[in-house]
């Protein structure tokens, strides 16, 4: 997740304990940047905003579902059988 920045934050809006820990005064104004902290376990993943094409496809999918243009399956086995059938239609 990318860092987020908030500007013009009054010290009086921050927790008193944080002000004391940082040595700041309530009457001061701050720019605060918050960045996620990750543990270095080797399993970090790239977090990027979704591509506009993906978001548009999701929107169309939601519209199709609302309009009833969907195929429903009773279980995952039926779904896989349907996908297998589609994959082999041109054979």
PDB file of N, CA and C in Angstrom:
ATOM      1  N   UNK A   1       0.853  -1.164   0.000  1.00  0.00           N
ATOM      2  CA  UNK A   1       0.000   0.000   0.000  1.00  0.00           C
ATOM      3  C   UNK A   1       0.903   1.233   0.000  1.00  0.00           C
ATOM      4  N   UNK A   2       0.588   2.191  -0.838  1.00  0.00           N
ATOM      5  CA  UNK A   2       1.420   3.391  -0.892  1.00  0.00           C
ATOM      6  C   UNK A   2       1.237   4.264   0.343  1.00  0.00           C
ATOM      7  N   UNK A   3       2.226   5.112   0.561  1.00  0.00           N
ATOM      8  CA  UNK A   3       2.159   6.057   1.679  1.00  0.00           C
ATOM      9  C   UNK A   3       1.056   7.077   1.422  1.00  0.00           C
ATOM     10  N   UNK A   4       0.473   7.574   2.485  1.00  0.00           N
ATOM     11  CA  UNK A   4      -0.568   8.609   2.417  1.00  0.00           C
ATOM     12  C   UNK A   4      -0.084   9.812   3.206  1.00  0.00           C
ATOM     13  N   UNK A   5      -0.371  10.998   2.679  1.00  0.00           N
ATOM     14  CA  UNK A   5       0.046  12.233   3.348  1.00  0.00           C
ATOM     15  C   UNK A   5      -1.166  13.121   3.600  1.00  0.00           C
ATOM     16  N   UNK A   6      -1.229  13.675   4.793  1.00  0.00           N
ATOM     17  CA  UNK A   6      -2.276  14.625   5.170  1.00  0.00           C
ATOM     18  C   UNK A   6      -1.565  15.896   5.607  1.00  0.00           C
ATOM     19  N   UNK A   7      -1.983  17.020   5.047  1.00  0.00           N
ATOM     20  CA  UNK A   7      -1.330  18.292   5.376  1.00  0.00           C
ATOM     21  C   UNK A   7      -2.205  19.145   6.280  1.00  0.00           C
ATOM     22  N   UNK A   8      -1.576  20.078   6.948  1.00  0.00           N
ATOM     23  CA  UNK A   8      -2.236  21.079   7.791  1.00  0.00           C
ATOM     24  C   UNK A   8      -3.001  20.441   8.959  1.00  0.00           C
ATOM     25  N   UNK A   9      -2.362  19.485   9.598  1.00  0.00           N
ATOM     26  CA  UNK A   9      -2.979  18.830  10.760  1.00  0.00           C
ATOM     27  C   UNK A   9      -2.512  19.568  12.012  1.00  0.00           C
ATOM     28  N   UNK A  10      -3.468  20.015  12.798  1.00  0.00           N
ATOM     29  CA  UNK A  10      -3.124  20.714  14.037  1.00  0.00           C
ATOM     30  C   UNK A  10      -2.668  19.700  15.078  1.00  0.00           C
ATOM     31  N   UNK A  11      -1.663  20.077  15.822  1.00  0.00           N
ATOM     32  CA  UNK A  11      -1.169  19.208  16.882  1.00  0.00           C
ATOM     33  C   UNK A  11      -2.252  18.839  17.870  1.00  0.00           C
ATOM     34  N   UNK A  12      -3.186  19.747  18.076  1.00  0.00           N
ATOM     35  CA  UNK A  12      -4.276  19.475  19.020  1.00  0.00           C
ATOM     36  C   UNK A  12      -5.202  18.360  18.536  1.00  0.00           C
ATOM     37  N   UNK A  13      -5.115  17.999  17.241  1.00  0.00           N
ATOM     38  CA  UNK A  13      -5.931  16.910  16.691  1.00  0.00           C
ATOM     39  C   UNK A  13      -5.272  15.545  16.898  1.00  0.00           C
ATOM     40  N   UNK A  14      -4.015  15.551  17.299  1.00  0.00           N
ATOM     41  CA  UNK A  14      -3.279  14.304  17.477  1.00  0.00           C
ATOM     42  C   UNK A  14      -3.371  13.830  18.921  1.00  0.00           C
ATOM     43  N   UNK A  15      -3.172  12.523  19.130  1.00  0.00           N
ATOM     44  CA  UNK A  15      -3.190  12.008  20.506  1.00  0.00           C
ATOM     45  C   UNK A  15      -2.087  12.671  21.342  1.00  0.00           C
ATOM     46  N   UNK A  16      -2.427  13.019  22.550  1.00  0.00           N
ATOM     47  CA  UNK A  16      -1.488  13.690  23.447  1.00  0.00           C
ATOM     48  C   UNK A  16      -0.220  12.871  23.628  1.00  0.00           C
ATOM     49  N   UNK A  17      -0.362  11.567  23.769  1.00  0.00           N
ATOM     50  CA  UNK A  17       0.803  10.699  23.961  1.00  0.00           C
ATOM     51  C   UNK A  17       1.761  10.749  22.778  1.00  0.00           C
ATOM     52  N   UNK A  18       1.217  10.863  21.578  1.00  0.00           N
ATOM     53  CA  UNK A  18       2.055  10.950  20.387  1.00  0.00           C
ATOM     54  C   UNK A  18       2.800  12.279  20.356  1.00  0.00           C
ATOM     55  N   UNK A  19       2.091  13.362  20.688  1.00  0.00           N
ATOM     56  CA  UNK A  19       2.741  14.675  20.746  1.00  0.00           C
ATOM     57  C   UNK A  19       3.901  14.666  21.735  1.00  0.00           C
ATOM     58  N   UNK A  20       3.655  14.083  22.895  1.00  0.00           N
ATOM     59  CA  UNK A  20       4.699  14.035  23.923  1.00  0.00           C
ATOM     60  C   UNK A  20       5.874  13.181  23.456  1.00  0.00           C
ATOM     61  N   UNK A  21       5.590  12.047  22.856  1.00  0.00           N
ATOM     62  CA  UNK A  21       6.637  11.145  22.378  1.00  0.00           C
ATOM     63  C   UNK A  21       7.517  11.820  21.331  1.00  0.00           C
ATOM     64  N   UNK A  22       6.896  12.618  20.453  1.00  0.00           N
ATOM     65  CA  UNK A  22       7.630  13.289  19.380  1.00  0.00           C
ATOM     66  C   UNK A  22       8.203  14.637  19.813  1.00  0.00           C
ATOM     67  N   UNK A  23       7.745  15.145  20.931  1.00  0.00           N
ATOM     68  CA  UNK A  23       8.237  16.426  21.425  1.00  0.00           C
ATOM     69  C   UNK A  23       7.627  17.619  20.705  1.00  0.00           C
ATOM     70  N   UNK A  24       6.410  17.486  20.233  1.00  0.00           N
ATOM     71  CA  UNK A  24       5.735  18.572  19.518  1.00  0.00           C
ATOM     72  C   UNK A  24       4.697  19.227  20.421  1.00  0.00           C
ATOM     73  N   UNK A  25       4.258  20.409  19.994  1.00  0.00           N
ATOM     74  CA  UNK A  25       3.276  21.165  20.762  1.00  0.00           C
ATOM     75  C   UNK A  25       1.909  21.148  20.079  1.00  0.00           C
ATOM     76  N   UNK A  26       0.824  21.211  20.855  1.00  0.00           N
ATOM     77  CA  UNK A  26      -0.525  21.182  20.284  1.00  0.00           C
ATOM     78  C   UNK A  26      -0.816  22.344  19.342  1.00  0.00           C
ATOM     79  N   UNK A  27      -0.162  23.484  19.503  1.00  0.00           N
ATOM     80  CA  UNK A  27      -0.449  24.644  18.651  1.00  0.00           C
ATOM     81  C   UNK A  27       0.293  24.593  17.313  1.00  0.00           C
ATOM     82  N   UNK A  28       1.188  23.628  17.134  1.00  0.00           N
ATOM     83  CA  UNK A  28       1.908  23.507  15.868  1.00  0.00           C
ATOM     84  C   UNK A  28       1.031  22.814  14.808  1.00  0.00           C
ATOM     85  N   UNK A  29       1.390  23.028  13.541  1.00  0.00           N
ATOM     86  CA  UNK A  29       0.692  22.392  12.420  1.00  0.00           C
ATOM     87  C   UNK A  29       1.672  21.454  11.725  1.00  0.00           C
ATOM     88  N   UNK A  30       1.146  20.306  11.246  1.00  0.00           N
ATOM     89  CA  UNK A  30       2.019  19.267  10.718  1.00  0.00           C
ATOM     90  C   UNK A  30       1.554  18.734   9.367  1.00  0.00           C
ATOM     91  N   UNK A  31       2.520  18.200   8.655  1.00  0.00           N
ATOM     92  CA  UNK A  31       2.256  17.368   7.477  1.00  0.00           C
ATOM     93  C   UNK A  31       2.591  15.954   7.937  1.00  0.00           C
ATOM     94  N   UNK A  32       1.616  15.067   7.855  1.00  0.00           N
ATOM     95  CA  UNK A  32       1.797  13.705   8.354  1.00  0.00           C
ATOM     96  C   UNK A  32       1.784  12.734   7.183  1.00  0.00           C
ATOM     97  N   UNK A  33       2.826  11.916   7.108  1.00  0.00           N
ATOM     98  CA  UNK A  33       2.897  10.858   6.104  1.00  0.00           C
ATOM     99  C   UNK A  33       2.861   9.527   6.827  1.00  0.00           C
ATOM    100  N   UNK A  34       1.948   8.662   6.384  1.00  0.00           N
ATOM    101  CA  UNK A  34       1.817   7.344   6.985  1.00  0.00           C
ATOM    102  C   UNK A  34       2.164   6.313   5.917  1.00  0.00           C
ATOM    103  N   UNK A  35       3.106   5.459   6.253  1.00  0.00           N
ATOM    104  CA  UNK A  35       3.556   4.430   5.316  1.00  0.00           C
ATOM    105  C   UNK A  35       3.458   3.071   5.999  1.00  0.00           C
ATOM    106  N   UNK A  36       2.851   2.088   5.345  1.00  0.00           N
ATOM    107  CA  UNK A  36       2.735   0.765   5.970  1.00  0.00           C
ATOM    108  C   UNK A  36       4.116   0.179   6.277  1.00  0.00           C
ATOM    109  N   UNK A  37       4.180  -0.533   7.356  1.00  0.00           N
ATOM    110  CA  UNK A  37       5.413  -1.179   7.752  1.00  0.00           C
ATOM    111  C   UNK A  37       5.262  -2.670   7.481  1.00  0.00           C
ATOM    112  N   UNK A  38       6.181  -3.223   6.728  1.00  0.00           N
ATOM    113  CA  UNK A  38       6.105  -4.636   6.383  1.00  0.00           C
ATOM    114  C   UNK A  38       7.192  -5.398   7.118  1.00  0.00           C
ATOM    115  N   UNK A  39       6.842  -6.615   7.529  1.00  0.00           N
ATOM    116  CA  UNK A  39       7.850  -7.489   8.094  1.00  0.00           C
ATOM    117  C   UNK A  39       8.618  -8.099   6.932  1.00  0.00           C
ATOM    118  N   UNK A  40       9.903  -8.208   7.066  1.00  0.00           N
ATOM    119  CA  UNK A  40      10.724  -8.767   5.995  1.00  0.00           C
ATOM    120  C   UNK A  40      10.727 -10.282   6.112  1.00  0.00           C
ATOM    121  N   UNK A  41       9.617 -10.895   5.675  1.00  0.00           N
ATOM    122  CA  UNK A  41       9.522 -12.350   5.733  1.00  0.00           C
ATOM    123  C   UNK A  41       9.693 -12.981   4.353  1.00  0.00           C
ATOM    124  N   UNK A  42      10.042 -12.162   3.371  1.00  0.00           N
ATOM    125  CA  UNK A  42      10.234 -12.674   2.023  1.00  0.00           C
ATOM    126  C   UNK A  42       8.945 -12.892   1.267  1.00  0.00           C
ATOM    127  N   UNK A  43       7.814 -12.573   1.878  1.00  0.00           N
ATOM    128  CA  UNK A  43       6.524 -12.810   1.237  1.00  0.00           C
ATOM    129  C   UNK A  43       5.807 -11.525   0.856  1.00  0.00           C
ATOM    130  N   UNK A  44       6.567 -10.424   0.758  1.00  0.00           N
ATOM    131  CA  UNK A  44       5.935  -9.169   0.357  1.00  0.00           C
ATOM    132  C   UNK A  44       5.415  -9.287  -1.057  1.00  0.00           C
ATOM    133  N   UNK A  45       4.349  -8.619  -1.344  1.00  0.00           N
ATOM    134  CA  UNK A  45       3.798  -8.612  -2.694  1.00  0.00           C
ATOM    135  C   UNK A  45       3.637  -7.178  -3.146  1.00  0.00           C
ATOM    136  N   UNK A  46       3.630  -7.014  -4.443  1.00  0.00           N
ATOM    137  CA  UNK A  46       3.506  -5.686  -5.031  1.00  0.00           C
ATOM    138  C   UNK A  46       2.051  -5.252  -4.951  1.00  0.00           C
ATOM    139  N   UNK A  47       1.819  -4.157  -4.289  1.00  0.00           N
ATOM    140  CA  UNK A  47       0.463  -3.641  -4.164  1.00  0.00           C
ATOM    141  C   UNK A  47       0.354  -2.413  -5.050  1.00  0.00           C
ATOM    142  N   UNK A  48      -0.368  -2.552  -6.152  1.00  0.00           N
ATOM    143  CA  UNK A  48      -0.552  -1.442  -7.080  1.00  0.00           C
ATOM    144  C   UNK A  48      -2.036  -1.215  -7.288  1.00  0.00           C
ATOM    145  N   UNK A  49      -2.392  -0.014  -7.678  1.00  0.00           N
ATOM    146  CA  UNK A  49      -3.797   0.224  -7.989  1.00  0.00           C
ATOM    147  C   UNK A  49      -4.224  -0.685  -9.141  1.00  0.00           C
ATOM    148  N   UNK A  50      -5.477  -1.042  -9.145  1.00  0.00           N
ATOM    149  CA  UNK A  50      -5.997  -1.868 -10.225  1.00  0.00           C
ATOM    150  C   UNK A  50      -5.961  -1.097 -11.533  1.00  0.00           C
ATOM    151  N   UNK A  51      -5.681  -1.802 -12.606  1.00  0.00           N
ATOM    152  CA  UNK A  51      -5.667  -1.194 -13.935  1.00  0.00           C
ATOM    153  C   UNK A  51      -7.077  -0.731 -14.289  1.00  0.00           C
ATOM    154  N   UNK A  52      -7.212   0.381 -14.989  1.00  0.00           N
ATOM    155  CA  UNK A  52      -8.536   0.875 -15.373  1.00  0.00           C
ATOM    156  C   UNK A  52      -9.336  -0.156 -16.168  1.00  0.00           C
ATOM    157  N   UNK A  53      -8.644  -0.954 -16.991  1.00  0.00           N
ATOM    158  CA  UNK A  53      -9.339  -1.976 -17.773  1.00  0.00           C
ATOM    159  C   UNK A  53      -9.983  -3.023 -16.865  1.00  0.00           C
ATOM    160  N   UNK A  54      -9.273  -3.387 -15.789  1.00  0.00           N
ATOM    161  CA  UNK A  54      -9.815  -4.351 -14.844  1.00  0.00           C
ATOM    162  C   UNK A  54     -11.039  -3.790 -14.141  1.00  0.00           C
ATOM    163  N   UNK A  55     -10.958  -2.542 -13.716  1.00  0.00           N
ATOM    164  CA  UNK A  55     -12.088  -1.919 -13.033  1.00  0.00           C
ATOM    165  C   UNK A  55     -13.302  -1.824 -13.956  1.00  0.00           C
ATOM    166  N   UNK A  56     -13.071  -1.507 -15.232  1.00  0.00           N
ATOM    167  CA  UNK A  56     -14.173  -1.441 -16.189  1.00  0.00           C
ATOM    168  C   UNK A  56     -14.784  -2.824 -16.398  1.00  0.00           C
ATOM    169  N   UNK A  57     -13.957  -3.854 -16.472  1.00  0.00           N
ATOM    170  CA  UNK A  57     -14.470  -5.217 -16.631  1.00  0.00           C
ATOM    171  C   UNK A  57     -15.294  -5.624 -15.409  1.00  0.00           C
ATOM    172  N   UNK A  58     -14.858  -5.245 -14.226  1.00  0.00           N
ATOM    173  CA  UNK A  58     -15.613  -5.553 -13.015  1.00  0.00           C
ATOM    174  C   UNK A  58     -16.957  -4.834 -13.009  1.00  0.00           C
ATOM    175  N   UNK A  59     -16.968  -3.598 -13.484  1.00  0.00           N
ATOM    176  CA  UNK A  59     -18.214  -2.827 -13.554  1.00  0.00           C
ATOM    177  C   UNK A  59     -19.190  -3.498 -14.513  1.00  0.00           C
ATOM    178  N   UNK A  60     -18.689  -3.918 -15.689  1.00  0.00           N
ATOM    179  CA  UNK A  60     -19.559  -4.601 -16.657  1.00  0.00           C
ATOM    180  C   UNK A  60     -20.079  -5.913 -16.081  1.00  0.00           C
ATOM    181  N   UNK A  61     -19.224  -6.614 -15.365  1.00  0.00           N
ATOM    182  CA  UNK A  61     -19.622  -7.882 -14.757  1.00  0.00           C
ATOM    183  C   UNK A  61     -20.735  -7.667 -13.735  1.00  0.00           C
ATOM    184  N   UNK A  62     -20.605  -6.624 -12.937  1.00  0.00           N
ATOM    185  CA  UNK A  62     -21.640  -6.307 -11.946  1.00  0.00           C
ATOM    186  C   UNK A  62     -22.951  -5.938 -12.633  1.00  0.00           C
ATOM    187  N   UNK A  63     -22.859  -5.174 -13.714  1.00  0.00           N
ATOM    188  CA  UNK A  63     -24.068  -4.804 -14.463  1.00  0.00           C
ATOM    189  C   UNK A  63     -24.718  -6.031 -15.069  1.00  0.00           C
ATOM    190  N   UNK A  64     -23.912  -6.949 -15.610  1.00  0.00           N
ATOM    191  CA  UNK A  64     -24.451  -8.192 -16.167  1.00  0.00           C
ATOM    192  C   UNK A  64     -25.164  -9.008 -15.097  1.00  0.00           C
ATOM    193  N   UNK A  65     -24.567  -9.089 -13.923  1.00  0.00           N
ATOM    194  CA  UNK A  65     -25.174  -9.852 -12.836  1.00  0.00           C
ATOM    195  C   UNK A  65     -26.500  -9.238 -12.421  1.00  0.00           C
ATOM    196  N   UNK A  66     -26.562  -7.913 -12.322  1.00  0.00           N
ATOM    197  CA  UNK A  66     -27.809  -7.244 -11.950  1.00  0.00           C
ATOM    198  C   UNK A  66     -28.889  -7.450 -12.997  1.00  0.00           C
ATOM    199  N   UNK A  67     -28.483  -7.571 -14.267  1.00  0.00           N
ATOM    200  CA  UNK A  67     -29.436  -7.751 -15.363  1.00  0.00           C
ATOM    201  C   UNK A  67     -29.787  -9.220 -15.579  1.00  0.00           C
ATOM    202  N   UNK A  68     -29.196 -10.099 -14.799  1.00  0.00           N
ATOM    203  CA  UNK A  68     -29.509 -11.521 -14.927  1.00  0.00           C
ATOM    204  C   UNK A  68     -28.737 -12.223 -16.031  1.00  0.00           C
ATOM    205  N   UNK A  69     -27.742 -11.570 -16.595  1.00  0.00           N
ATOM    206  CA  UNK A  69     -26.939 -12.176 -17.667  1.00  0.00           C
ATOM    207  C   UNK A  69     -25.747 -12.909 -17.054  1.00  0.00           C
ATOM    208  N   UNK A  70     -26.045 -13.957 -16.304  1.00  0.00           N
ATOM    209  CA  UNK A  70     -24.999 -14.725 -15.642  1.00  0.00           C
ATOM    210  C   UNK A  70     -25.317 -16.212 -15.755  1.00  0.00           C
ATOM    211  N   UNK A  71     -24.313 -17.027 -15.557  1.00  0.00           N
ATOM    212  CA  UNK A  71     -24.512 -18.471 -15.483  1.00  0.00           C
ATOM    213  C   UNK A  71     -24.257 -18.873 -14.044  1.00  0.00           C
ATOM    214  N   UNK A  72     -25.243 -19.515 -13.441  1.00  0.00           N
ATOM    215  CA  UNK A  72     -25.114 -19.921 -12.041  1.00  0.00           C
ATOM    216  C   UNK A  72     -24.808 -21.406 -11.961  1.00  0.00           C
ATOM    217  N   UNK A  73     -23.994 -21.760 -10.996  1.00  0.00           N
ATOM    218  CA  UNK A  73     -23.603 -23.152 -10.793  1.00  0.00           C
ATOM    219  C   UNK A  73     -23.960 -23.564  -9.380  1.00  0.00           C
ATOM    220  N   UNK A  74     -24.355 -24.828  -9.233  1.00  0.00           N
ATOM    221  CA  UNK A  74     -24.716 -25.343  -7.915  1.00  0.00           C
ATOM    222  C   UNK A  74     -23.493 -25.656  -7.063  1.00  0.00           C
ATOM    223  N   UNK A  75     -22.381 -25.951  -7.729  1.00  0.00           N
ATOM    224  CA  UNK A  75     -21.171 -26.296  -6.991  1.00  0.00           C
ATOM    225  C   UNK A  75     -19.951 -26.054  -7.869  1.00  0.00           C
ATOM    226  N   UNK A  76     -18.791 -26.158  -7.273  1.00  0.00           N
ATOM    227  CA  UNK A  76     -17.552 -25.868  -7.981  1.00  0.00           C
ATOM    228  C   UNK A  76     -17.276 -26.904  -9.074  1.00  0.00           C
ATOM    229  N   UNK A  77     -17.698 -28.128  -8.864  1.00  0.00           N
ATOM    230  CA  UNK A  77     -17.491 -29.154  -9.884  1.00  0.00           C
ATOM    231  C   UNK A  77     -18.226 -28.793 -11.169  1.00  0.00           C
ATOM    232  N   UNK A  78     -19.460 -28.298 -11.044  1.00  0.00           N
ATOM    233  CA  UNK A  78     -20.221 -27.875 -12.229  1.00  0.00           C
ATOM    234  C   UNK A  78     -19.537 -26.709 -12.934  1.00  0.00           C
ATOM    235  N   UNK A  79     -18.983 -25.795 -12.164  1.00  0.00           N
ATOM    236  CA  UNK A  79     -18.248 -24.674 -12.741  1.00  0.00           C
ATOM    237  C   UNK A  79     -17.064 -25.170 -13.544  1.00  0.00           C
ATOM    238  N   UNK A  80     -16.268 -26.078 -12.953  1.00  0.00           N
ATOM    239  CA  UNK A  80     -15.085 -26.596 -13.648  1.00  0.00           C
ATOM    240  C   UNK A  80     -15.476 -27.375 -14.897  1.00  0.00           C
ATOM    241  N   UNK A  81     -16.558 -28.121 -14.840  1.00  0.00           N
ATOM    242  CA  UNK A  81     -17.024 -28.864 -16.012  1.00  0.00           C
ATOM    243  C   UNK A  81     -17.410 -27.900 -17.128  1.00  0.00           C
ATOM    244  N   UNK A  82     -18.060 -26.800 -16.762  1.00  0.00           N
ATOM    245  CA  UNK A  82     -18.449 -25.786 -17.744  1.00  0.00           C
ATOM    246  C   UNK A  82     -17.208 -25.135 -18.356  1.00  0.00           C
ATOM    247  N   UNK A  83     -16.251 -24.788 -17.540  1.00  0.00           N
ATOM    248  CA  UNK A  83     -15.021 -24.179 -18.042  1.00  0.00           C
ATOM    249  C   UNK A  83     -14.256 -25.136 -18.944  1.00  0.00           C
ATOM    250  N   UNK A  84     -14.238 -26.407 -18.589  1.00  0.00           N
ATOM    251  CA  UNK A  84     -13.582 -27.415 -19.415  1.00  0.00           C
ATOM    252  C   UNK A  84     -14.282 -27.532 -20.768  1.00  0.00           C
ATOM    253  N   UNK A  85     -15.603 -27.485 -20.742  1.00  0.00           N
ATOM    254  CA  UNK A  85     -16.381 -27.552 -21.991  1.00  0.00           C
ATOM    255  C   UNK A  85     -16.057 -26.359 -22.889  1.00  0.00           C
ATOM    256  N   UNK A  86     -15.985 -25.172 -22.309  1.00  0.00           N
ATOM    257  CA  UNK A  86     -15.667 -23.969 -23.074  1.00  0.00           C
ATOM    258  C   UNK A  86     -14.256 -24.088 -23.667  1.00  0.00           C
ATOM    259  N   UNK A  87     -13.330 -24.583 -22.871  1.00  0.00           N
ATOM    260  CA  UNK A  87     -11.944 -24.688 -23.319  1.00  0.00           C
ATOM    261  C   UNK A  87     -11.795 -25.632 -24.507  1.00  0.00           C
ATOM    262  N   UNK A  88     -12.694 -26.608 -24.619  1.00  0.00           N
ATOM    263  CA  UNK A  88     -12.580 -27.615 -25.676  1.00  0.00           C
ATOM    264  C   UNK A  88     -13.643 -27.480 -26.768  1.00  0.00           C
ATOM    265  N   UNK A  89     -14.329 -26.325 -26.832  1.00  0.00           N
ATOM    266  CA  UNK A  89     -15.367 -26.132 -27.843  1.00  0.00           C
ATOM    267  C   UNK A  89     -14.810 -26.188 -29.273  1.00  0.00           C
ATOM    268  N   UNK A  90     -13.605 -25.722 -29.484  1.00  0.00           N
ATOM    269  CA  UNK A  90     -13.037 -25.676 -30.833  1.00  0.00           C
ATOM    270  C   UNK A  90     -12.331 -26.972 -31.225  1.00  0.00           C
ATOM    271  N   UNK A  91     -12.291 -27.956 -30.336  1.00  0.00           N
ATOM    272  CA  UNK A  91     -11.617 -29.218 -30.659  1.00  0.00           C
ATOM    273  C   UNK A  91     -12.404 -30.052 -31.642  1.00  0.00           C
TER     274      UNK A  91
END
